[in-house]
C-alpha cells in the first residue's frame, strides 16, 4: 500500500483534496444538465465530462498544472475531429 499512498499524496499536491474536488465536479455536472446535454452523442458527452473534470481539478488544485489544460485541448480536438468526419 505504500506505493498507492505515495501516489495519492502526489495527486493531492496537483489536484487538491478529493472531497472538495468532488463537490466542485458534481456541481459542474449538475450545471451541464441544464442545457442540451442529453441530446449529445456519447463522445460529445464524455468529452464534456472529462473537460469538466479537468476544470474542477484546476479550480481545486494547482491552477498552473499544465497537464489539465493540455487534456482539455485534447478532448476538444477529439470531438472536433469526429465532427469534421
N, C-alpha and C. Protein backbone atom coordinates (compact mmCIF):
# COMPACT_ATOMS: atom_id res chain seq x y z
N UNK A 1 0.81 -1.21 0.00
CA UNK A 1 0.00 0.00 0.00
C UNK A 1 0.85 1.27 0.00
N UNK A 2 2.11 1.14 0.24
CA UNK A 2 2.97 2.31 0.28
C UNK A 2 2.95 3.06 -1.04
N UNK A 3 2.99 2.33 -2.15
CA UNK A 3 3.01 2.97 -3.45
C UNK A 3 1.73 3.76 -3.72
N UNK A 4 0.58 3.19 -3.39
CA UNK A 4 -0.68 3.90 -3.63
C UNK A 4 -0.80 5.12 -2.73
N UNK A 5 -0.33 5.02 -1.50
CA UNK A 5 -0.35 6.19 -0.62
C UNK A 5 0.55 7.30 -1.14
N UNK A 6 1.69 6.93 -1.67
CA UNK A 6 2.59 7.92 -2.27
C UNK A 6 1.93 8.59 -3.47
N UNK A 7 1.28 7.78 -4.29
CA UNK A 7 0.58 8.32 -5.46
C UNK A 7 -0.54 9.27 -5.04
N UNK A 8 -1.32 8.86 -4.05
CA UNK A 8 -2.41 9.72 -3.57
C UNK A 8 -1.88 11.03 -3.01
N UNK A 9 -0.78 10.99 -2.28
CA UNK A 9 -0.16 12.20 -1.75
C UNK A 9 0.31 13.12 -2.87
N UNK A 10 0.91 12.53 -3.91
CA UNK A 10 1.37 13.32 -5.06
C UNK A 10 0.19 13.96 -5.78
N UNK A 11 -0.87 13.20 -5.97
CA UNK A 11 -2.05 13.72 -6.68
C UNK A 11 -2.71 14.85 -5.89
N UNK A 12 -2.69 14.75 -4.57
CA UNK A 12 -3.29 15.81 -3.78
C UNK A 12 -2.53 17.12 -3.97
N UNK A 13 -1.25 17.04 -4.23
CA UNK A 13 -0.45 18.25 -4.46
C UNK A 13 -0.88 18.96 -5.74
N UNK A 14 -1.21 18.19 -6.79
CA UNK A 14 -1.60 18.81 -8.06
C UNK A 14 -3.10 18.97 -8.22
N UNK A 15 -3.89 18.04 -7.66
CA UNK A 15 -5.33 18.05 -7.88
C UNK A 15 -6.13 18.56 -6.68
N UNK A 16 -5.50 18.70 -5.55
CA UNK A 16 -6.19 19.16 -4.36
C UNK A 16 -6.89 18.03 -3.63
N UNK A 17 -7.59 18.38 -2.59
CA UNK A 17 -8.32 17.44 -1.74
C UNK A 17 -9.45 16.79 -2.53
N UNK A 18 -9.58 15.47 -2.43
CA UNK A 18 -10.58 14.73 -3.20
C UNK A 18 -12.00 15.15 -2.88
N UNK A 19 -12.30 15.35 -1.61
CA UNK A 19 -13.66 15.69 -1.22
C UNK A 19 -14.10 17.04 -1.79
N UNK A 20 -13.22 18.04 -1.73
CA UNK A 20 -13.59 19.34 -2.29
C UNK A 20 -13.65 19.27 -3.82
N UNK A 21 -12.78 18.47 -4.42
CA UNK A 21 -12.84 18.27 -5.87
C UNK A 21 -14.18 17.65 -6.26
N UNK A 22 -14.62 16.67 -5.48
CA UNK A 22 -15.89 16.01 -5.77
C UNK A 22 -17.06 17.00 -5.71
N UNK A 23 -17.05 17.91 -4.74
CA UNK A 23 -18.13 18.91 -4.64
C UNK A 23 -18.14 19.81 -5.87
N UNK A 24 -16.97 20.29 -6.27
CA UNK A 24 -16.89 21.16 -7.45
C UNK A 24 -17.31 20.40 -8.69
N UNK A 25 -16.81 19.20 -8.83
CA UNK A 25 -17.08 18.38 -10.01
C UNK A 25 -18.58 18.07 -10.14
N UNK A 26 -19.20 17.69 -9.05
CA UNK A 26 -20.62 17.37 -9.09
C UNK A 26 -21.48 18.61 -9.39
N UNK A 27 -21.08 19.75 -8.88
CA UNK A 27 -21.80 21.00 -9.17
C UNK A 27 -21.71 21.34 -10.66
N UNK A 28 -20.53 21.14 -11.24
CA UNK A 28 -20.37 21.40 -12.67
C UNK A 28 -21.19 20.41 -13.49
N UNK A 29 -21.22 19.15 -13.08
CA UNK A 29 -22.04 18.16 -13.79
C UNK A 29 -23.52 18.52 -13.72
N UNK A 30 -23.96 18.98 -12.57
CA UNK A 30 -25.36 19.40 -12.43
C UNK A 30 -25.65 20.55 -13.39
N UNK A 31 -24.75 21.51 -13.48
CA UNK A 31 -24.95 22.66 -14.37
C UNK A 31 -25.01 22.22 -15.83
N UNK A 32 -24.23 21.22 -16.20
CA UNK A 32 -24.23 20.76 -17.59
C UNK A 32 -25.57 20.16 -17.99
N UNK A 33 -26.33 19.66 -17.04
CA UNK A 33 -27.63 19.06 -17.32
C UNK A 33 -28.68 20.09 -17.70
N UNK A 34 -28.40 21.37 -17.46
CA UNK A 34 -29.36 22.44 -17.74
C UNK A 34 -29.55 22.68 -19.23
N UNK A 35 -28.58 22.31 -20.02
CA UNK A 35 -28.65 22.56 -21.45
C UNK A 35 -29.08 21.33 -22.23
N UNK A 36 -28.51 21.16 -23.39
CA UNK A 36 -28.86 20.08 -24.31
C UNK A 36 -27.97 18.85 -24.14
N UNK A 37 -27.45 18.67 -22.96
CA UNK A 37 -26.51 17.58 -22.70
C UNK A 37 -27.04 16.22 -23.14
N UNK A 38 -28.31 15.94 -22.85
CA UNK A 38 -28.90 14.64 -23.17
C UNK A 38 -29.00 14.41 -24.68
N UNK A 39 -28.97 15.47 -25.46
CA UNK A 39 -29.09 15.35 -26.91
C UNK A 39 -27.75 15.08 -27.60
N UNK A 40 -26.66 15.17 -26.86
CA UNK A 40 -25.34 14.96 -27.43
C UNK A 40 -25.07 13.47 -27.60
N UNK A 41 -24.14 13.15 -28.52
CA UNK A 41 -23.78 11.73 -28.64
C UNK A 41 -22.78 11.36 -27.54
N UNK A 42 -22.47 10.08 -27.46
CA UNK A 42 -21.62 9.58 -26.38
C UNK A 42 -20.26 10.27 -26.33
N UNK A 43 -19.64 10.48 -27.47
CA UNK A 43 -18.30 11.10 -27.45
C UNK A 43 -18.37 12.56 -27.02
N UNK A 44 -19.40 13.26 -27.43
CA UNK A 44 -19.54 14.66 -27.00
C UNK A 44 -19.78 14.75 -25.50
N UNK A 45 -20.67 13.90 -24.99
CA UNK A 45 -20.93 13.91 -23.55
C UNK A 45 -19.68 13.53 -22.76
N UNK A 46 -18.99 12.49 -23.21
CA UNK A 46 -17.80 12.05 -22.48
C UNK A 46 -16.72 13.13 -22.50
N UNK A 47 -16.53 13.76 -23.65
CA UNK A 47 -15.52 14.83 -23.74
C UNK A 47 -15.87 15.97 -22.79
N UNK A 48 -17.14 16.38 -22.77
CA UNK A 48 -17.54 17.46 -21.87
C UNK A 48 -17.39 17.07 -20.41
N UNK A 49 -17.68 15.82 -20.08
CA UNK A 49 -17.50 15.37 -18.70
C UNK A 49 -16.02 15.37 -18.31
N UNK A 50 -15.16 14.95 -19.24
CA UNK A 50 -13.73 14.94 -18.94
C UNK A 50 -13.19 16.37 -18.85
N UNK A 51 -13.66 17.26 -19.71
CA UNK A 51 -13.26 18.67 -19.64
C UNK A 51 -13.72 19.26 -18.31
N UNK A 52 -14.95 18.96 -17.92
CA UNK A 52 -15.48 19.44 -16.65
C UNK A 52 -14.64 18.91 -15.50
N UNK A 53 -14.21 17.66 -15.59
CA UNK A 53 -13.36 17.06 -14.55
C UNK A 53 -12.03 17.82 -14.44
N UNK A 54 -11.46 18.15 -15.59
CA UNK A 54 -10.19 18.89 -15.59
C UNK A 54 -10.39 20.31 -15.05
N UNK A 55 -11.51 20.93 -15.37
CA UNK A 55 -11.80 22.27 -14.83
C UNK A 55 -11.91 22.20 -13.31
N UNK A 56 -12.57 21.16 -12.80
CA UNK A 56 -12.67 21.00 -11.35
C UNK A 56 -11.30 20.85 -10.73
N UNK A 57 -10.40 20.11 -11.39
CA UNK A 57 -9.03 19.97 -10.88
C UNK A 57 -8.31 21.32 -10.86
N UNK A 58 -8.51 22.11 -11.89
CA UNK A 58 -7.88 23.43 -11.95
C UNK A 58 -8.39 24.31 -10.81
N UNK A 59 -9.70 24.29 -10.59
CA UNK A 59 -10.30 25.12 -9.55
C UNK A 59 -9.96 24.64 -8.15
N UNK A 60 -9.71 23.36 -7.98
CA UNK A 60 -9.48 22.78 -6.67
C UNK A 60 -8.00 22.61 -6.33
N UNK A 61 -7.18 22.37 -7.34
CA UNK A 61 -5.78 22.06 -7.10
C UNK A 61 -4.85 23.15 -7.58
N UNK A 62 -3.78 22.72 -8.21
CA UNK A 62 -2.76 23.65 -8.73
C UNK A 62 -3.25 24.21 -10.07
N UNK A 63 -3.61 25.49 -10.13
CA UNK A 63 -4.13 26.05 -11.37
C UNK A 63 -3.05 26.20 -12.45
N UNK A 64 -1.81 25.97 -12.09
CA UNK A 64 -0.71 26.07 -13.06
C UNK A 64 -0.25 24.71 -13.56
N UNK A 65 -0.95 23.65 -13.19
CA UNK A 65 -0.60 22.29 -13.63
C UNK A 65 -1.00 22.16 -15.10
N UNK A 66 -0.04 22.26 -15.97
CA UNK A 66 -0.27 22.38 -17.42
C UNK A 66 -1.00 21.18 -18.02
N UNK A 67 -0.81 20.00 -17.44
CA UNK A 67 -1.46 18.80 -18.00
C UNK A 67 -2.97 18.95 -18.10
N UNK A 68 -3.60 19.63 -17.14
CA UNK A 68 -5.05 19.81 -17.20
C UNK A 68 -5.46 20.58 -18.45
N UNK A 69 -4.72 21.61 -18.78
CA UNK A 69 -5.05 22.42 -19.95
C UNK A 69 -4.79 21.66 -21.25
N UNK A 70 -3.71 20.89 -21.27
CA UNK A 70 -3.41 20.07 -22.44
C UNK A 70 -4.51 19.02 -22.64
N UNK A 71 -4.94 18.41 -21.54
CA UNK A 71 -6.01 17.41 -21.63
C UNK A 71 -7.31 18.02 -22.14
N UNK A 72 -7.64 19.23 -21.67
CA UNK A 72 -8.85 19.91 -22.15
C UNK A 72 -8.77 20.12 -23.66
N UNK A 73 -7.62 20.58 -24.13
CA UNK A 73 -7.44 20.77 -25.58
C UNK A 73 -7.57 19.45 -26.32
N UNK A 74 -7.03 18.40 -25.74
CA UNK A 74 -7.09 17.09 -26.39
C UNK A 74 -8.51 16.57 -26.53
N UNK A 75 -9.30 16.68 -25.48
CA UNK A 75 -10.69 16.22 -25.56
C UNK A 75 -11.48 17.05 -26.57
N UNK A 76 -11.22 18.33 -26.63
CA UNK A 76 -11.89 19.18 -27.62
C UNK A 76 -11.49 18.77 -29.03
N UNK A 77 -10.22 18.47 -29.22
CA UNK A 77 -9.74 18.07 -30.54
C UNK A 77 -10.36 16.73 -30.98
N UNK A 78 -10.51 15.80 -30.06
CA UNK A 78 -11.11 14.53 -30.41
C UNK A 78 -12.53 14.72 -30.94
N UNK A 79 -13.31 15.57 -30.29
CA UNK A 79 -14.69 15.81 -30.77
C UNK A 79 -14.67 16.57 -32.09
N UNK A 80 -13.80 17.56 -32.21
CA UNK A 80 -13.78 18.33 -33.47
C UNK A 80 -13.39 17.44 -34.65
N UNK A 81 -12.49 16.50 -34.42
CA UNK A 81 -12.13 15.56 -35.49
C UNK A 81 -13.33 14.70 -35.86
N UNK A 82 -14.07 14.26 -34.88
CA UNK A 82 -15.27 13.44 -35.16
C UNK A 82 -16.28 14.26 -35.97
N UNK A 83 -16.49 15.51 -35.59
CA UNK A 83 -17.47 16.34 -36.27
C UNK A 83 -17.05 16.67 -37.71
N UNK A 84 -15.75 16.75 -37.92
CA UNK A 84 -15.25 17.00 -39.28
C UNK A 84 -15.38 15.78 -40.17
N UNK A 85 -15.53 14.63 -39.55
CA UNK A 85 -15.67 13.39 -40.31
C UNK A 85 -14.35 12.77 -40.59
